[in-house]
């Protein structure tokens, strides 16, 4: 997860510096800029988002057919480079956590990868859909007796840790607050693709955040 943030955070910082250093902002919203009318590089956008969602897991025989069901929340960010009017390519990364069984059991996930999406514009609105392909890691502690509030050794506990690859389809909308700032809403469903998929719960996540355009 540190590698993901080490890539994304410097890019977001560069976006913020470029934004503050620019003196002449064109009198139009970012999605109406003339450089988006032809297929060429048209600037970039970046920002951070919070998310929340709900996860449902498979029944796992090695854990007494336990199936995880829990709310999740987390944070992350994305950066996108515009090419023409209807193509954006970039990268994003997030971390997410969930608690369950009310005894200290938890699941932590981190993931990131290459994103491609296709924006469509209407006045101040930008509607988009696309997918991210990449990899991540997760770890989970499942306590089926006892809890973490004492110093007793636990015997009915399972610890799982693994890397995974994924595809993450998403849809969203952004509303331009100014020529350089927009508020974005997004929904996705991360789908694990390799052998660890049976362990990893799947469900929708909903995001909200701000994007800064350059």
Protein backbone atom coordinates (compact mmCIF):
# COMPACT_ATOMS: atom_id res chain seq x y z
CA UNK A 1 0.00 0.00 0.00
CA UNK A 2 2.91 2.37 0.70
CA UNK A 3 4.08 1.87 -2.91
CA UNK A 4 0.65 2.91 -4.19
CA UNK A 5 0.61 6.13 -2.16
CA UNK A 6 4.28 6.85 -3.02
CA UNK A 7 3.19 7.07 -6.68
CA UNK A 8 -0.18 8.80 -6.34
CA UNK A 9 0.53 11.40 -3.65
CA UNK A 10 3.45 13.10 -5.50
CA UNK A 11 1.29 13.32 -8.62
CA UNK A 12 -1.55 14.90 -6.65
CA UNK A 13 0.90 17.34 -5.06
CA UNK A 14 2.14 18.30 -8.54
CA UNK A 15 -1.45 18.90 -9.57
CA UNK A 16 -2.06 21.19 -6.58
CA UNK A 17 1.17 23.15 -7.18
CA UNK A 18 0.33 23.66 -10.85
CA UNK A 19 -3.17 24.78 -9.89
CA UNK A 20 -1.98 27.36 -7.37
CA UNK A 21 0.74 28.67 -9.69
CA UNK A 22 -1.59 29.30 -12.61
CA UNK A 23 -2.75 32.93 -12.71
CA UNK A 24 -5.02 33.08 -15.77
CA UNK A 25 -7.90 30.60 -15.48
CA UNK A 26 -10.01 30.41 -18.64
CA UNK A 27 -13.65 31.53 -18.16
CA UNK A 28 -15.11 28.08 -18.80
CA UNK A 29 -15.49 24.85 -16.90
CA UNK A 30 -12.80 22.22 -17.34
CA UNK A 31 -15.05 19.90 -19.36
CA UNK A 32 -15.72 22.69 -21.90
CA UNK A 33 -12.09 23.48 -22.69
CA UNK A 34 -11.38 23.61 -26.46
CA UNK A 35 -8.41 21.24 -26.10
CA UNK A 36 -10.92 18.44 -25.39
CA UNK A 37 -12.45 18.83 -28.85
CA UNK A 38 -9.67 17.00 -30.75
CA UNK A 39 -7.79 13.81 -29.99
CA UNK A 40 -4.68 15.09 -28.25
CA UNK A 41 -3.36 15.46 -24.73
CA UNK A 42 -5.73 17.73 -22.84
CA UNK A 43 -4.31 18.12 -19.33
CA UNK A 44 -4.88 16.04 -16.23
CA UNK A 45 -6.92 15.88 -13.05
CA UNK A 46 -6.28 14.37 -9.65
CA UNK A 47 -7.78 14.19 -6.20
CA UNK A 48 -8.68 12.15 -3.13
CA UNK A 49 -11.87 10.26 -2.31
CA UNK A 50 -13.50 8.66 0.71
CA UNK A 51 -15.56 5.52 0.26
CA UNK A 52 -17.97 3.24 2.08
CA UNK A 53 -19.66 0.03 1.03
CA UNK A 54 -20.83 -3.44 1.99
CA UNK A 55 -19.00 -6.74 1.46
CA UNK A 56 -20.31 -10.30 1.16
CA UNK A 57 -17.96 -13.28 1.23
CA UNK A 58 -18.11 -16.94 0.25
CA UNK A 59 -18.68 -19.71 2.74
CA UNK A 60 -15.26 -21.11 3.57
CA UNK A 61 -15.18 -24.80 4.67
CA UNK A 62 -11.86 -24.33 6.50
CA UNK A 63 -13.55 -21.69 8.67
CA UNK A 64 -16.69 -23.64 9.61
CA UNK A 65 -18.50 -22.33 6.52
CA UNK A 66 -18.23 -18.78 7.83
CA UNK A 67 -19.27 -16.16 5.24
CA UNK A 68 -18.20 -12.60 5.91
CA UNK A 69 -20.85 -9.89 5.80
CA UNK A 70 -19.73 -6.43 6.89
CA UNK A 71 -19.63 -2.73 6.09
CA UNK A 72 -16.34 -1.32 4.82
CA UNK A 73 -14.80 2.14 4.57
CA UNK A 74 -11.56 3.68 3.37
CA UNK A 75 -9.68 6.35 1.44
CA UNK A 76 -7.60 6.72 -1.69
CA UNK A 77 -7.02 8.80 -4.78
CA UNK A 78 -6.75 8.90 -8.55
CA UNK A 79 -5.08 10.83 -11.33
CA UNK A 80 -6.31 10.91 -14.95
CA UNK A 81 -4.76 12.22 -18.17
CA UNK A 82 -7.15 13.46 -20.86
CA UNK A 83 -6.79 12.40 -24.49
CA UNK A 84 -9.37 14.00 -26.73
CA UNK A 85 -12.90 14.44 -25.51
CA UNK A 86 -13.88 10.88 -24.55
CA UNK A 87 -10.78 9.08 -23.24
CA UNK A 88 -8.90 9.32 -19.95
CA UNK A 89 -6.02 7.09 -18.82
CA UNK A 90 -4.47 7.16 -15.37
CA UNK A 91 -3.94 5.32 -12.12
CA UNK A 92 -5.68 5.00 -8.78
CA UNK A 93 -5.15 3.31 -5.43
CA UNK A 94 -7.21 2.76 -2.27
CA UNK A 95 -7.18 1.12 1.14
CA UNK A 96 -10.29 -0.27 2.80
CA UNK A 97 -11.08 -1.96 6.11
CA UNK A 98 -13.94 -3.85 7.71
CA UNK A 99 -14.67 -5.09 11.24
CA UNK A 100 -16.98 -8.01 12.05
CA UNK A 101 -18.03 -10.60 14.67
CA UNK A 102 -17.87 -7.80 17.30
CA UNK A 103 -14.73 -9.26 18.86
CA UNK A 104 -11.84 -7.55 17.08
CA UNK A 105 -11.95 -9.55 13.84
CA UNK A 106 -11.02 -7.44 10.84
CA UNK A 107 -10.18 -7.38 7.16
CA UNK A 108 -7.80 -4.88 5.54
CA UNK A 109 -7.39 -4.46 1.78
CA UNK A 110 -5.20 -2.26 -0.41
CA UNK A 111 -5.20 -2.12 -4.19
CA UNK A 112 -4.17 -0.02 -7.16
CA UNK A 113 -3.70 -0.16 -10.88
CA UNK A 114 -4.17 1.31 -14.35
CA UNK A 115 -7.53 2.93 -15.06
CA UNK A 116 -9.22 3.75 -18.34
CA UNK A 117 -12.53 5.58 -18.52
CA UNK A 118 -14.74 7.29 -21.05
CA UNK A 119 -16.23 10.68 -20.08
CA UNK A 120 -19.32 12.33 -21.59
CA UNK A 121 -20.12 15.97 -20.88
CA UNK A 122 -23.34 17.88 -20.31
CA UNK A 123 -23.09 21.47 -19.10
CA UNK A 124 -21.33 21.28 -15.70
CA UNK A 125 -21.71 17.49 -15.50
CA UNK A 126 -19.20 14.86 -16.54
CA UNK A 127 -20.59 11.31 -16.66
CA UNK A 128 -18.05 8.51 -16.94
CA UNK A 129 -17.64 4.76 -16.94
CA UNK A 130 -14.59 2.53 -17.14
CA UNK A 131 -12.47 -0.02 -15.33
CA UNK A 132 -9.24 -0.38 -13.38
CA UNK A 133 -6.94 -3.41 -13.74
CA UNK A 134 -4.19 -4.06 -11.23
CA UNK A 135 -3.22 -5.82 -8.03
CA UNK A 136 -3.35 -5.53 -4.29
CA UNK A 137 -3.12 -7.36 -1.02
CA UNK A 138 -5.34 -8.25 1.90
CA UNK A 139 -5.06 -9.62 5.40
CA UNK A 140 -7.79 -10.83 7.70
CA UNK A 141 -8.07 -11.97 11.30
CA UNK A 142 -11.09 -14.20 12.03
CA UNK A 143 -11.74 -14.93 15.72
CA UNK A 144 -14.45 -17.53 16.28
CA UNK A 145 -14.15 -17.49 20.06
CA UNK A 146 -12.76 -15.03 22.59
CA UNK A 147 -11.92 -11.41 21.79
CA UNK A 148 -9.06 -8.94 21.69
CA UNK A 149 -9.92 -7.25 25.00
CA UNK A 150 -8.06 -9.76 27.19
CA UNK A 151 -4.62 -11.34 27.36
CA UNK A 152 -5.83 -14.91 26.89
CA UNK A 153 -4.40 -17.02 24.07
CA UNK A 154 -6.93 -17.70 21.34
CA UNK A 155 -7.12 -21.18 19.82
CA UNK A 156 -10.03 -20.73 17.42
CA UNK A 157 -8.48 -18.02 15.26
CA UNK A 158 -7.65 -17.86 11.54
CA UNK A 159 -5.17 -15.43 9.98
CA UNK A 160 -5.26 -14.98 6.20
CA UNK A 161 -2.88 -12.92 4.05
CA UNK A 162 -2.45 -12.91 0.29
CA UNK A 163 -1.89 -10.85 -2.85
CA UNK A 164 -4.47 -10.70 -5.61
CA UNK A 165 -5.09 -9.33 -9.08
CA UNK A 166 -8.40 -7.71 -9.97
CA UNK A 167 -10.62 -5.93 -12.44
CA UNK A 168 -12.71 -3.08 -11.04
CA UNK A 169 -15.56 -1.74 -13.22
CA UNK A 170 -16.96 1.64 -12.17
CA UNK A 171 -19.39 4.41 -13.11
CA UNK A 172 -19.55 7.93 -11.80
CA UNK A 173 -20.39 11.60 -12.23
CA UNK A 174 -18.53 14.82 -11.58
CA UNK A 175 -20.03 18.28 -11.09
CA UNK A 176 -17.86 21.30 -11.92
CA UNK A 177 -17.79 23.72 -8.97
CA UNK A 178 -15.36 26.05 -10.76
CA UNK A 179 -13.09 26.03 -13.82
CA UNK A 180 -10.54 23.97 -11.86
CA UNK A 181 -12.41 22.08 -9.14
CA UNK A 182 -15.11 19.42 -9.30
CA UNK A 183 -16.91 17.17 -6.83
CA UNK A 184 -17.04 13.54 -7.92
CA UNK A 185 -19.32 10.62 -7.03
CA UNK A 186 -18.41 7.08 -8.05
CA UNK A 187 -19.57 3.49 -7.53
CA UNK A 188 -17.54 0.36 -8.21
CA UNK A 189 -17.29 -3.37 -7.49
CA UNK A 190 -13.79 -4.82 -7.19
CA UNK A 191 -13.64 -8.36 -8.61
CA UNK A 192 -10.62 -10.54 -7.64
CA UNK A 193 -9.24 -12.60 -10.52
CA UNK A 194 -6.70 -15.12 -9.17
CA UNK A 195 -6.60 -18.03 -6.72
CA UNK A 196 -7.20 -15.83 -3.68
CA UNK A 197 -10.60 -14.82 -5.04
CA UNK A 198 -12.49 -17.30 -2.84
CA UNK A 199 -11.17 -15.58 0.31
CA UNK A 200 -11.94 -12.01 -0.70
CA UNK A 201 -15.45 -10.65 -0.12
CA UNK A 202 -17.08 -8.72 -2.94
CA UNK A 203 -19.55 -5.85 -2.86
CA UNK A 204 -20.29 -2.31 -3.99
CA UNK A 205 -18.37 0.72 -2.78
CA UNK A 206 -19.50 4.33 -3.09
CA UNK A 207 -17.02 7.20 -3.33
CA UNK A 208 -17.12 10.96 -2.85
CA UNK A 209 -14.28 13.42 -3.23
CA UNK A 210 -12.82 16.41 -5.06
CA UNK A 211 -10.90 16.57 -8.33
CA UNK A 212 -8.47 19.35 -9.30
CA UNK A 213 -8.02 19.99 -13.01
CA UNK A 214 -5.00 21.32 -14.86
